Every structure is written in structure tokens, then in C-alpha cells.
Amino acid sequence: MDRSHARRDGLAVLRRAIEIDQRHFPETLHRFFIVNAPFVLKAVWALVAPWLDPHTQTKIQIFGGGLEASGAAAALRAEIDDENLPAFLGGACRCPGGCVPVPQALRKRL
């Protein structure tokens, strides 16, 4: 695995991008959910979160593990009506072809 993006220069670029985004687009994000996140993503989040405005931090939720065990299902249902939430995320939506274009390889793990 290439870890060059995690070096100091890479993190500095990421930090600058976050600062620009917050300055010019502060209210474009309503909520952001990451479900079934690997441990490494949660660790990176712990490094990146302090760079974000506290208000922005509250809009982002990262869940590891299963939908119910991590609390992801409840958090998603609190923000998204059940009929609009895809079945693979614990909702009732079963649109032909899928509600969200997720590669089949990922759906097998959900």
C-alpha cells in the first residue's frame, strides 16, 4: 500500500483543501455518513477532524461494524425517510437496479 499521501506534505495539502472548502462552501454539507468504515479510516478521521470547524465536525459521522451494532441504521433513519433509504442500509427502498449505484462487490459485504 502506498502511504506517500499520509506524509507531512500530503497532510498539509489535505489541510489546505479543507480550509478552502470551509471558507468558500461552509453550508453546502447537510450530513455525511460513512458506513462500515475500516479502522484505518476512523484513525485518519481522528487526525483530520481537528482541522475542521466544530460545526462541520458535527455533520460528519463515521460508523464501523454492522448497521445496527454501530448505530448507523438509527442515525440514517433519523435523517432519511425509510422509503428513501436503500434496503442494504436498513431502509425500505428497493428501486429497480438499486437506489444507490453501489458496485456489486461491495453489496455482497453489506
PDB file of N, CA and C in Angstrom:
ATOM      1  N   MET A   1       0.838  -1.184   0.000  1.00  0.00           N
ATOM      2  CA  MET A   1       0.000   0.000   0.000  1.00  0.00           C
ATOM      3  C   MET A   1       0.884   1.249   0.000  1.00  0.00           C
ATOM      4  N   ASP A   2       0.574   2.180  -0.873  1.00  0.00           N
ATOM      5  CA  ASP A   2       1.332   3.416  -0.964  1.00  0.00           C
ATOM      6  C   ASP A   2       0.883   4.361   0.139  1.00  0.00           C
ATOM      7  N   ARG A   3       1.796   4.760   0.988  1.00  0.00           N
ATOM      8  CA  ARG A   3       1.451   5.644   2.100  1.00  0.00           C
ATOM      9  C   ARG A   3       1.997   7.047   1.916  1.00  0.00           C
ATOM     10  N   SER A   4       2.415   7.358   0.706  1.00  0.00           N
ATOM     11  CA  SER A   4       3.009   8.668   0.468  1.00  0.00           C
ATOM     12  C   SER A   4       2.021   9.801   0.757  1.00  0.00           C
ATOM     13  N   HIS A   5       0.732   9.549   0.557  1.00  0.00           N
ATOM     14  CA  HIS A   5      -0.269  10.582   0.805  1.00  0.00           C
ATOM     15  C   HIS A   5      -0.396  10.899   2.297  1.00  0.00           C
ATOM     16  N   ALA A   6       0.110  10.024   3.164  1.00  0.00           N
ATOM     17  CA  ALA A   6      -0.002  10.229   4.606  1.00  0.00           C
ATOM     18  C   ALA A   6       1.200  10.978   5.185  1.00  0.00           C
ATOM     19  N   ARG A   7       2.176  11.282   4.342  1.00  0.00           N
ATOM     20  CA  ARG A   7       3.339  12.036   4.819  1.00  0.00           C
ATOM     21  C   ARG A   7       2.947  13.476   5.105  1.00  0.00           C
ATOM     22  N   ARG A   8       3.846  14.183   5.743  1.00  0.00           N
ATOM     23  CA  ARG A   8       3.591  15.566   6.161  1.00  0.00           C
ATOM     24  C   ARG A   8       3.134  16.446   5.004  1.00  0.00           C
ATOM     25  N   ASP A   9       3.777  16.340   3.821  1.00  0.00           N
ATOM     26  CA  ASP A   9       3.392  17.168   2.680  1.00  0.00           C
ATOM     27  C   ASP A   9       1.967  16.859   2.235  1.00  0.00           C
ATOM     28  N   GLY A  10       1.627  15.568   2.193  1.00  0.00           N
ATOM     29  CA  GLY A  10       0.283  15.161   1.791  1.00  0.00           C
ATOM     30  C   GLY A  10      -0.771  15.656   2.766  1.00  0.00           C
ATOM     31  N   LEU A  11      -0.468  15.583   4.046  1.00  0.00           N
ATOM     32  CA  LEU A  11      -1.409  16.062   5.056  1.00  0.00           C
ATOM     33  C   LEU A  11      -1.551  17.580   5.003  1.00  0.00           C
ATOM     34  N   ALA A  12      -0.469  18.273   4.673  1.00  0.00           N
ATOM     35  CA  ALA A  12      -0.531  19.730   4.543  1.00  0.00           C
ATOM     36  C   ALA A  12      -1.452  20.125   3.389  1.00  0.00           C
ATOM     37  N   VAL A  13      -1.374  19.405   2.285  1.00  0.00           N
ATOM     38  CA  VAL A  13      -2.243  19.687   1.138  1.00  0.00           C
ATOM     39  C   VAL A  13      -3.700  19.419   1.523  1.00  0.00           C
ATOM     40  N   LEU A  14      -3.944  18.309   2.200  1.00  0.00           N
ATOM     41  CA  LEU A  14      -5.297  17.976   2.631  1.00  0.00           C
ATOM     42  C   LEU A  14      -5.839  19.056   3.569  1.00  0.00           C
ATOM     43  N   ARG A  15      -5.009  19.486   4.488  1.00  0.00           N
ATOM     44  CA  ARG A  15      -5.434  20.520   5.429  1.00  0.00           C
ATOM     45  C   ARG A  15      -5.797  21.809   4.699  1.00  0.00           C
ATOM     46  N   ARG A  16      -4.991  22.201   3.730  1.00  0.00           N
ATOM     47  CA  ARG A  16      -5.250  23.425   2.955  1.00  0.00           C
ATOM     48  C   ARG A  16      -6.553  23.289   2.163  1.00  0.00           C
ATOM     49  N   ALA A  17      -6.792  22.117   1.571  1.00  0.00           N
ATOM     50  CA  ALA A  17      -8.028  21.890   0.823  1.00  0.00           C
ATOM     51  C   ALA A  17      -9.247  22.001   1.736  1.00  0.00           C
ATOM     52  N   ILE A  18      -9.132  21.470   2.938  1.00  0.00           N
ATOM     53  CA  ILE A  18     -10.227  21.552   3.900  1.00  0.00           C
ATOM     54  C   ILE A  18     -10.482  23.012   4.282  1.00  0.00           C
ATOM     55  N   GLU A  19      -9.428  23.781   4.498  1.00  0.00           N
ATOM     56  CA  GLU A  19      -9.578  25.189   4.859  1.00  0.00           C
ATOM     57  C   GLU A  19     -10.278  25.972   3.746  1.00  0.00           C
ATOM     58  N   ILE A  20      -9.886  25.726   2.507  1.00  0.00           N
ATOM     59  CA  ILE A  20     -10.504  26.415   1.362  1.00  0.00           C
ATOM     60  C   ILE A  20     -11.969  26.042   1.254  1.00  0.00           C
ATOM     61  N   ASP A  21     -12.274  24.763   1.388  1.00  0.00           N
ATOM     62  CA  ASP A  21     -13.649  24.293   1.290  1.00  0.00           C
ATOM     63  C   ASP A  21     -14.519  24.931   2.376  1.00  0.00           C
ATOM     64  N   GLN A  22     -14.024  24.988   3.590  1.00  0.00           N
ATOM     65  CA  GLN A  22     -14.803  25.572   4.681  1.00  0.00           C
ATOM     66  C   GLN A  22     -15.019  27.068   4.497  1.00  0.00           C
ATOM     67  N   ARG A  23     -14.020  27.746   3.942  1.00  0.00           N
ATOM     68  CA  ARG A  23     -14.131  29.194   3.749  1.00  0.00           C
ATOM     69  C   ARG A  23     -15.133  29.541   2.652  1.00  0.00           C
ATOM     70  N   HIS A  24     -15.116  28.793   1.548  1.00  0.00           N
ATOM     71  CA  HIS A  24     -15.937  29.146   0.390  1.00  0.00           C
ATOM     72  C   HIS A  24     -17.265  28.402   0.309  1.00  0.00           C
ATOM     73  N   PHE A  25     -17.376  27.263   0.964  1.00  0.00           N
ATOM     74  CA  PHE A  25     -18.589  26.452   0.871  1.00  0.00           C
ATOM     75  C   PHE A  25     -19.016  25.968   2.262  1.00  0.00           C
ATOM     76  N   PRO A  26     -19.205  26.872   3.220  1.00  0.00           N
ATOM     77  CA  PRO A  26     -19.421  26.448   4.605  1.00  0.00           C
ATOM     78  C   PRO A  26     -20.732  25.719   4.863  1.00  0.00           C
ATOM     79  N   GLU A  27     -21.762  25.994   4.111  1.00  0.00           N
ATOM     80  CA  GLU A  27     -23.056  25.392   4.410  1.00  0.00           C
ATOM     81  C   GLU A  27     -23.585  24.489   3.301  1.00  0.00           C
ATOM     82  N   THR A  28     -22.717  23.965   2.471  1.00  0.00           N
ATOM     83  CA  THR A  28     -23.184  23.093   1.390  1.00  0.00           C
ATOM     84  C   THR A  28     -23.389  21.658   1.854  1.00  0.00           C
ATOM     85  N   LEU A  29     -22.856  21.284   2.985  1.00  0.00           N
ATOM     86  CA  LEU A  29     -22.989  19.925   3.503  1.00  0.00           C
ATOM     87  C   LEU A  29     -24.070  19.879   4.570  1.00  0.00           C
ATOM     88  N   HIS A  30     -25.076  19.032   4.361  1.00  0.00           N
ATOM     89  CA  HIS A  30     -26.104  18.861   5.390  1.00  0.00           C
ATOM     90  C   HIS A  30     -25.665  17.797   6.386  1.00  0.00           C
ATOM     91  N   ARG A  31     -25.458  16.588   5.927  1.00  0.00           N
ATOM     92  CA  ARG A  31     -24.974  15.473   6.753  1.00  0.00           C
ATOM     93  C   ARG A  31     -24.135  14.578   5.856  1.00  0.00           C
ATOM     94  N   PHE A  32     -23.167  13.894   6.454  1.00  0.00           N
ATOM     95  CA  PHE A  32     -22.285  12.991   5.709  1.00  0.00           C
ATOM     96  C   PHE A  32     -22.092  11.742   6.562  1.00  0.00           C
ATOM     97  N   PHE A  33     -22.500  10.603   6.020  1.00  0.00           N
ATOM     98  CA  PHE A  33     -22.386   9.333   6.735  1.00  0.00           C
ATOM     99  C   PHE A  33     -21.428   8.410   6.011  1.00  0.00           C
ATOM    100  N   ILE A  34     -20.548   7.783   6.746  1.00  0.00           N
ATOM    101  CA  ILE A  34     -19.707   6.715   6.211  1.00  0.00           C
ATOM    102  C   ILE A  34     -20.061   5.473   7.025  1.00  0.00           C
ATOM    103  N   VAL A  35     -20.525   4.441   6.331  1.00  0.00           N
ATOM    104  CA  VAL A  35     -21.000   3.226   6.981  1.00  0.00           C
ATOM    105  C   VAL A  35     -20.034   2.082   6.687  1.00  0.00           C
ATOM    106  N   ASN A  36     -19.818   1.230   7.683  1.00  0.00           N
ATOM    107  CA  ASN A  36     -18.894   0.087   7.581  1.00  0.00           C
ATOM    108  C   ASN A  36     -17.467   0.545   7.291  1.00  0.00           C
ATOM    109  N   ALA A  37     -17.063   1.597   7.939  1.00  0.00           N
ATOM    110  CA  ALA A  37     -15.721   2.152   7.737  1.00  0.00           C
ATOM    111  C   ALA A  37     -14.662   1.246   8.366  1.00  0.00           C
ATOM    112  N   PRO A  38     -13.549   1.049   7.681  1.00  0.00           N
ATOM    113  CA  PRO A  38     -12.463   0.278   8.280  1.00  0.00           C
ATOM    114  C   PRO A  38     -11.790   1.079   9.400  1.00  0.00           C
ATOM    115  N   PHE A  39     -11.100   0.392  10.262  1.00  0.00           N
ATOM    116  CA  PHE A  39     -10.437   1.026  11.400  1.00  0.00           C
ATOM    117  C   PHE A  39      -9.503   2.146  10.957  1.00  0.00           C
ATOM    118  N   VAL A  40      -8.766   1.932   9.880  1.00  0.00           N
ATOM    119  CA  VAL A  40      -7.790   2.930   9.434  1.00  0.00           C
ATOM    120  C   VAL A  40      -8.479   4.254   9.081  1.00  0.00           C
ATOM    121  N   LEU A  41      -9.684   4.198   8.524  1.00  0.00           N
ATOM    122  CA  LEU A  41     -10.401   5.422   8.195  1.00  0.00           C
ATOM    123  C   LEU A  41     -10.788   6.169   9.469  1.00  0.00           C
ATOM    124  N   LYS A  42     -11.199   5.440  10.473  1.00  0.00           N
ATOM    125  CA  LYS A  42     -11.537   6.082  11.747  1.00  0.00           C
ATOM    126  C   LYS A  42     -10.294   6.719  12.377  1.00  0.00           C
ATOM    127  N   ALA A  43      -9.143   6.076  12.208  1.00  0.00           N
ATOM    128  CA  ALA A  43      -7.897   6.638  12.735  1.00  0.00           C
ATOM    129  C   ALA A  43      -7.515   7.910  11.982  1.00  0.00           C
ATOM    130  N   VAL A  44      -7.666   7.900  10.661  1.00  0.00           N
ATOM    131  CA  VAL A  44      -7.371   9.096   9.854  1.00  0.00           C
ATOM    132  C   VAL A  44      -8.338  10.216  10.230  1.00  0.00           C
ATOM    133  N   TRP A  45      -9.590   9.866  10.452  1.00  0.00           N
ATOM    134  CA  TRP A  45     -10.576  10.873  10.857  1.00  0.00           C
ATOM    135  C   TRP A  45     -10.152  11.559  12.155  1.00  0.00           C
ATOM    136  N   ALA A  46      -9.615  10.795  13.079  1.00  0.00           N
ATOM    137  CA  ALA A  46      -9.163  11.367  14.341  1.00  0.00           C
ATOM    138  C   ALA A  46      -8.066  12.414  14.118  1.00  0.00           C
ATOM    139  N   LEU A  47      -7.263  12.235  13.064  1.00  0.00           N
ATOM    140  CA  LEU A  47      -6.218  13.206  12.729  1.00  0.00           C
ATOM    141  C   LEU A  47      -6.778  14.423  11.993  1.00  0.00           C
ATOM    142  N   VAL A  48      -7.735  14.192  11.117  1.00  0.00           N
ATOM    143  CA  VAL A  48      -8.256  15.247  10.256  1.00  0.00           C
ATOM    144  C   VAL A  48      -9.315  16.099  10.956  1.00  0.00           C
ATOM    145  N   ALA A  49     -10.134  15.507  11.796  1.00  0.00           N
ATOM    146  CA  ALA A  49     -11.264  16.211  12.421  1.00  0.00           C
ATOM    147  C   ALA A  49     -10.871  17.515  13.118  1.00  0.00           C
ATOM    148  N   PRO A  50      -9.750  17.569  13.833  1.00  0.00           N
ATOM    149  CA  PRO A  50      -9.399  18.844  14.483  1.00  0.00           C
ATOM    150  C   PRO A  50      -9.174  20.011  13.514  1.00  0.00           C
ATOM    151  N   TRP A  51      -8.915  19.721  12.246  1.00  0.00           N
ATOM    152  CA  TRP A  51      -8.709  20.776  11.259  1.00  0.00           C
ATOM    153  C   TRP A  51     -10.025  21.381  10.807  1.00  0.00           C
ATOM    154  N   LEU A  52     -11.120  20.697  11.080  1.00  0.00           N
ATOM    155  CA  LEU A  52     -12.426  21.141  10.626  1.00  0.00           C
ATOM    156  C   LEU A  52     -13.075  22.067  11.648  1.00  0.00           C
ATOM    157  N   ASP A  53     -13.913  22.926  11.146  1.00  0.00           N
ATOM    158  CA  ASP A  53     -14.731  23.758  12.003  1.00  0.00           C
ATOM    159  C   ASP A  53     -15.597  22.826  12.869  1.00  0.00           C
ATOM    160  N   PRO A  54     -15.775  23.132  14.148  1.00  0.00           N
ATOM    161  CA  PRO A  54     -16.574  22.262  15.013  1.00  0.00           C
ATOM    162  C   PRO A  54     -17.984  21.999  14.481  1.00  0.00           C
ATOM    163  N   HIS A  55     -18.587  23.004  13.840  1.00  0.00           N
ATOM    164  CA  HIS A  55     -19.919  22.817  13.255  1.00  0.00           C
ATOM    165  C   HIS A  55     -19.882  21.772  12.139  1.00  0.00           C
ATOM    166  N   THR A  56     -18.844  21.813  11.322  1.00  0.00           N
ATOM    167  CA  THR A  56     -18.683  20.832  10.251  1.00  0.00           C
ATOM    168  C   THR A  56     -18.458  19.443  10.833  1.00  0.00           C
ATOM    169  N   GLN A  57     -17.675  19.346  11.885  1.00  0.00           N
ATOM    170  CA  GLN A  57     -17.422  18.050  12.524  1.00  0.00           C
ATOM    171  C   GLN A  57     -18.712  17.366  12.943  1.00  0.00           C
ATOM    172  N   THR A  58     -19.671  18.131  13.441  1.00  0.00           N
ATOM    173  CA  THR A  58     -20.925  17.526  13.901  1.00  0.00           C
ATOM    174  C   THR A  58     -21.762  16.972  12.758  1.00  0.00           C
ATOM    175  N   LYS A  59     -21.499  17.425  11.532  1.00  0.00           N
ATOM    176  CA  LYS A  59     -22.257  16.955  10.376  1.00  0.00           C
ATOM    177  C   LYS A  59     -21.745  15.618   9.841  1.00  0.00           C
ATOM    178  N   ILE A  60     -20.567  15.206  10.233  1.00  0.00           N
ATOM    179  CA  ILE A  60     -19.931  14.004   9.695  1.00  0.00           C
ATOM    180  C   ILE A  60     -19.952  12.898  10.733  1.00  0.00           C
ATOM    181  N   GLN A  61     -20.468  11.730  10.340  1.00  0.00           N
ATOM    182  CA  GLN A  61     -20.495  10.585  11.225  1.00  0.00           C
ATOM    183  C   GLN A  61     -19.876   9.393  10.516  1.00  0.00           C
ATOM    184  N   ILE A  62     -18.982   8.724  11.213  1.00  0.00           N
ATOM    185  CA  ILE A  62     -18.303   7.548  10.668  1.00  0.00           C
ATOM    186  C   ILE A  62     -18.657   6.352  11.539  1.00  0.00           C
ATOM    187  N   PHE A  63     -19.174   5.306  10.901  1.00  0.00           N
ATOM    188  CA  PHE A  63     -19.597   4.103  11.610  1.00  0.00           C
ATOM    189  C   PHE A  63     -18.812   2.897  11.105  1.00  0.00           C
ATOM    190  N   GLY A  64     -18.250   2.153  12.021  1.00  0.00           N
ATOM    191  CA  GLY A  64     -17.606   0.891  11.677  1.00  0.00           C
ATOM    192  C   GLY A  64     -18.552  -0.240  12.020  1.00  0.00           C
ATOM    193  N   GLY A  65     -18.181  -1.463  11.679  1.00  0.00           N
ATOM    194  CA  GLY A  65     -19.011  -2.613  12.032  1.00  0.00           C
ATOM    195  C   GLY A  65     -20.310  -2.657  11.275  1.00  0.00           C
ATOM    196  N   GLY A  66     -21.278  -3.395  11.800  1.00  0.00           N
ATOM    197  CA  GLY A  66     -22.569  -3.560  11.144  1.00  0.00           C
ATOM    198  C   GLY A  66     -23.480  -2.365  11.330  1.00  0.00           C
ATOM    199  N   LEU A  67     -24.570  -2.364  10.569  1.00  0.00           N
ATOM    200  CA  LEU A  67     -25.515  -1.246  10.613  1.00  0.00           C
ATOM    201  C   LEU A  67     -26.108  -1.042  11.997  1.00  0.00           C
ATOM    202  N   GLU A  68     -26.655  -2.093  12.567  1.00  0.00           N
ATOM    203  CA  GLU A  68     -27.328  -1.977  13.869  1.00  0.00           C
ATOM    204  C   GLU A  68     -26.319  -1.831  15.005  1.00  0.00           C
ATOM    205  N   ALA A  69     -25.261  -2.639  14.970  1.00  0.00           N
ATOM    206  CA  ALA A  69     -24.280  -2.634  16.060  1.00  0.00           C
ATOM    207  C   ALA A  69     -23.591  -1.283  16.200  1.00  0.00           C
ATOM    208  N   SER A  70     -23.333  -0.617  15.100  1.00  0.00           N
ATOM    209  CA  SER A  70     -22.611   0.658  15.147  1.00  0.00           C
ATOM    210  C   SER A  70     -23.520   1.846  15.400  1.00  0.00           C
ATOM    211  N   GLY A  71     -24.816   1.646  15.281  1.00  0.00           N
ATOM    212  CA  GLY A  71     -25.761   2.754  15.420  1.00  0.00           C
ATOM    213  C   GLY A  71     -26.016   3.475  14.113  1.00  0.00           C
ATOM    214  N   ALA A  72     -25.423   2.985  13.022  1.00  0.00           N
ATOM    215  CA  ALA A  72     -25.580   3.633  11.718  1.00  0.00           C
ATOM    216  C   ALA A  72     -27.028   3.609  11.251  1.00  0.00           C
ATOM    217  N   ALA A  73     -27.719   2.486  11.434  1.00  0.00           N
ATOM    218  CA  ALA A  73     -29.098   2.373  10.956  1.00  0.00           C
ATOM    219  C   ALA A  73     -29.984   3.432  11.608  1.00  0.00           C
ATOM    220  N   ALA A  74     -29.858   3.606  12.906  1.00  0.00           N
ATOM    221  CA  ALA A  74     -30.668   4.600  13.615  1.00  0.00           C
ATOM    222  C   ALA A  74     -30.325   6.017  13.155  1.00  0.00           C
ATOM    223  N   ALA A  75     -29.042   6.303  12.975  1.00  0.00           N
ATOM    224  CA  ALA A  75     -28.626   7.636  12.529  1.00  0.00           C
ATOM    225  C   ALA A  75     -29.146   7.931  11.128  1.00  0.00           C
ATOM    226  N   LEU A  76     -29.079   6.945  10.231  1.00  0.00           N
ATOM    227  CA  LEU A  76     -29.578   7.134   8.870  1.00  0.00           C
ATOM    228  C   LEU A  76     -31.089   7.349   8.869  1.00  0.00           C
ATOM    229  N   ARG A  77     -31.812   6.537   9.659  1.00  0.00           N
ATOM    230  CA  ARG A  77     -33.274   6.666   9.719  1.00  0.00           C
ATOM    231  C   ARG A  77     -33.702   8.012  10.320  1.00  0.00           C
ATOM    232  N   ALA A  78     -32.881   8.571  11.176  1.00  0.00           N
ATOM    233  CA  ALA A  78     -33.206   9.869  11.767  1.00  0.00           C
ATOM    234  C   ALA A  78     -33.135  10.996  10.733  1.00  0.00           C
ATOM    235  N   GLU A  79     -32.344  10.804   9.687  1.00  0.00           N
ATOM    236  CA  GLU A  79     -32.150  11.833   8.662  1.00  0.00           C
ATOM    237  C   GLU A  79     -32.871  11.549   7.347  1.00  0.00           C
ATOM    238  N   ILE A  80     -33.129  10.270   7.061  1.00  0.00           N
ATOM    239  CA  ILE A  80     -33.674   9.872   5.762  1.00  0.00           C
ATOM    240  C   ILE A  80     -34.940   9.057   5.984  1.00  0.00           C
ATOM    241  N   ASP A  81     -36.023   9.417   5.302  1.00  0.00           N
ATOM    242  CA  ASP A  81     -37.256   8.641   5.399  1.00  0.00           C
ATOM    243  C   ASP A  81     -36.997   7.208   4.961  1.00  0.00           C
ATOM    244  N   ASP A  82     -37.633   6.265   5.642  1.00  0.00           N
ATOM    245  CA  ASP A  82     -37.414   4.843   5.393  1.00  0.00           C
ATOM    246  C   ASP A  82     -37.636   4.464   3.925  1.00  0.00           C
ATOM    247  N   GLU A  83     -38.641   5.067   3.285  1.00  0.00           N
ATOM    248  CA  GLU A  83     -38.922   4.715   1.879  1.00  0.00           C
ATOM    249  C   GLU A  83     -37.855   5.254   0.924  1.00  0.00           C
ATOM    250  N   ASN A  84     -37.022   6.181   1.378  1.00  0.00           N
ATOM    251  CA  ASN A  84     -35.943   6.720   0.554  1.00  0.00           C
ATOM    252  C   ASN A  84     -34.575   6.136   0.898  1.00  0.00           C
ATOM    253  N   LEU A  85     -34.523   5.345   1.943  1.00  0.00           N
ATOM    254  CA  LEU A  85     -33.270   4.745   2.389  1.00  0.00           C
ATOM    255  C   LEU A  85     -33.128   3.367   1.759  1.00  0.00           C
ATOM    256  N   PRO A  86     -32.043   3.106   1.032  1.00  0.00           N
ATOM    257  CA  PRO A  86     -31.870   1.802   0.379  1.00  0.00           C
ATOM    258  C   PRO A  86     -31.933   0.638   1.369  1.00  0.00           C
ATOM    259  N   ALA A  87     -32.469  -0.478   0.913  1.00  0.00           N
ATOM    260  CA  ALA A  87     -32.627  -1.660   1.761  1.00  0.00           C
ATOM    261  C   ALA A  87     -31.291  -2.124   2.342  1.00  0.00           C
ATOM    262  N   PHE A  88     -30.211  -2.022   1.567  1.00  0.00           N
ATOM    263  CA  PHE A  88     -28.924  -2.501   2.071  1.00  0.00           C
ATOM    264  C   PHE A  88     -28.373  -1.610   3.186  1.00  0.00           C
ATOM    265  N   LEU A  89     -29.023  -0.457   3.400  1.00  0.00           N
ATOM    266  CA  LEU A  89     -28.656   0.415   4.520  1.00  0.00           C
ATOM    267  C   LEU A  89     -29.727   0.406   5.610  1.00  0.00           C
ATOM    268  N   GLY A  90     -30.629  -0.558   5.532  1.00  0.00           N
ATOM    269  CA  GLY A  90     -31.637  -0.726   6.561  1.00  0.00           C
ATOM    270  C   GLY A  90     -32.975  -0.076   6.272  1.00  0.00           C
ATOM    271  N   GLY A  91     -33.154   0.478   5.080  1.00  0.00           N
ATOM    272  CA  GLY A  91     -34.413   1.132   4.725  1.00  0.00           C
ATOM    273  C   GLY A  91     -35.338   0.224   3.944  1.00  0.00           C
ATOM    274  N   ALA A  92     -36.379   0.811   3.368  1.00  0.00           N
ATOM    275  CA  ALA A  92     -37.393   0.052   2.642  1.00  0.00           C
ATOM    276  C   ALA A  92     -37.306   0.238   1.130  1.00  0.00           C
ATOM    277  N   CYS A  93     -36.434   1.084   0.641  1.00  0.00           N
ATOM    278  CA  CYS A  93     -36.343   1.361  -0.795  1.00  0.00           C
ATOM    279  C   CYS A  93     -35.717   0.187  -1.533  1.00  0.00           C
ATOM    280  N   ARG A  94     -36.442  -0.288  -2.531  1.00  0.00           N
ATOM    281  CA  ARG A  94     -35.951  -1.393  -3.369  1.00  0.00           C
ATOM    282  C   ARG A  94     -36.171  -1.034  -4.842  1.00  0.00           C
ATOM    283  N   CYS A  95     -35.600   0.060  -5.257  1.00  0.00           N
ATOM    284  CA  CYS A  95     -35.749   0.538  -6.633  1.00  0.00           C
ATOM    285  C   CYS A  95     -35.159  -0.474  -7.615  1.00  0.00           C
ATOM    286  N   PRO A  96     -35.758  -0.612  -8.800  1.00  0.00           N
ATOM    287  CA  PRO A  96     -35.163  -1.489  -9.815  1.00  0.00           C
ATOM    288  C   PRO A  96     -33.753  -1.011 -10.154  1.00  0.00           C
ATOM    289  N   GLY A  97     -32.802  -1.887 -10.066  1.00  0.00           N
ATOM    290  CA  GLY A  97     -31.418  -1.529 -10.343  1.00  0.00           C
ATOM    291  C   GLY A  97     -30.699  -0.946  -9.144  1.00  0.00           C
ATOM    292  N   GLY A  98     -31.416  -0.764  -8.053  1.00  0.00           N
ATOM    293  CA  GLY A  98     -30.803  -0.238  -6.837  1.00  0.00           C
ATOM    294  C   GLY A  98     -31.005   1.249  -6.672  1.00  0.00           C
ATOM    295  N   CYS A  99     -31.182   1.667  -5.448  1.00  0.00           N
ATOM    296  CA  CYS A  99     -31.420   3.085  -5.145  1.00  0.00           C
ATOM    297  C   CYS A  99     -30.144   3.905  -5.249  1.00  0.00           C
ATOM    298  N   VAL A 100     -29.038   3.274  -4.951  1.00  0.00           N
ATOM    299  CA  VAL A 100     -27.742   3.942  -4.967  1.00  0.00           C
ATOM    300  C   VAL A 100     -26.811   3.081  -5.804  1.00  0.00           C
ATOM    301  N   PRO A 101     -26.103   3.663  -6.760  1.00  0.00           N
ATOM    302  CA  PRO A 101     -25.201   2.851  -7.581  1.00  0.00           C
ATOM    303  C   PRO A 101     -23.982   2.382  -6.792  1.00  0.00           C
ATOM    304  N   VAL A 102     -24.098   1.203  -6.184  1.00  0.00           N
ATOM    305  CA  VAL A 102     -23.016   0.612  -5.414  1.00  0.00           C
ATOM    306  C   VAL A 102     -22.523  -0.612  -6.177  1.00  0.00           C
ATOM    307  N   PRO A 103     -21.220  -0.735  -6.395  1.00  0.00           N
ATOM    308  CA  PRO A 103     -20.702  -1.907  -7.107  1.00  0.00           C
ATOM    309  C   PRO A 103     -21.125  -3.204  -6.415  1.00  0.00           C
ATOM    310  N   GLN A 104     -21.419  -4.224  -7.199  1.00  0.00           N
ATOM    311  CA  GLN A 104     -21.888  -5.499  -6.673  1.00  0.00           C
ATOM    312  C   GLN A 104     -20.919  -6.084  -5.643  1.00  0.00           C
ATOM    313  N   ALA A 105     -19.634  -5.917  -5.833  1.00  0.00           N
ATOM    314  CA  ALA A 105     -18.645  -6.458  -4.893  1.00  0.00           C
ATOM    315  C   ALA A 105     -18.844  -5.869  -3.503  1.00  0.00           C
ATOM    316  N   LEU A 106     -19.229  -4.623  -3.413  1.00  0.00           N
ATOM    317  CA  LEU A 106     -19.466  -4.003  -2.111  1.00  0.00           C
ATOM    318  C   LEU A 106     -20.793  -4.444  -1.511  1.00  0.00           C
ATOM    319  N   ARG A 107     -21.795  -4.655  -2.333  1.00  0.00           N
ATOM    320  CA  ARG A 107     -23.109  -5.078  -1.839  1.00  0.00           C
ATOM    321  C   ARG A 107     -23.036  -6.438  -1.165  1.00  0.00           C
ATOM    322  N   LYS A 108     -22.153  -7.286  -1.608  1.00  0.00           N
ATOM    323  CA  LYS A 108     -22.033  -8.628  -1.021  1.00  0.00           C
ATOM    324  C   LYS A 108     -21.588  -8.548   0.420  1.00  0.00           C
ATOM    325  N   ARG A 109     -20.822  -7.517   0.763  1.00  0.00           N
ATOM    326  CA  ARG A 109     -20.327  -7.372   2.128  1.00  0.00           C
ATOM    327  C   ARG A 109     -21.325  -6.704   3.054  1.00  0.00           C
ATOM    328  N   LEU A 110     -22.339  -6.059   2.515  1.00  0.00           N
ATOM    329  CA  LEU A 110     -23.298  -5.321   3.349  1.00  0.00           C
ATOM    330  C   LEU A 110     -24.353  -6.246   3.891  1.00  0.00           C
TER     331      LEU A 110
END
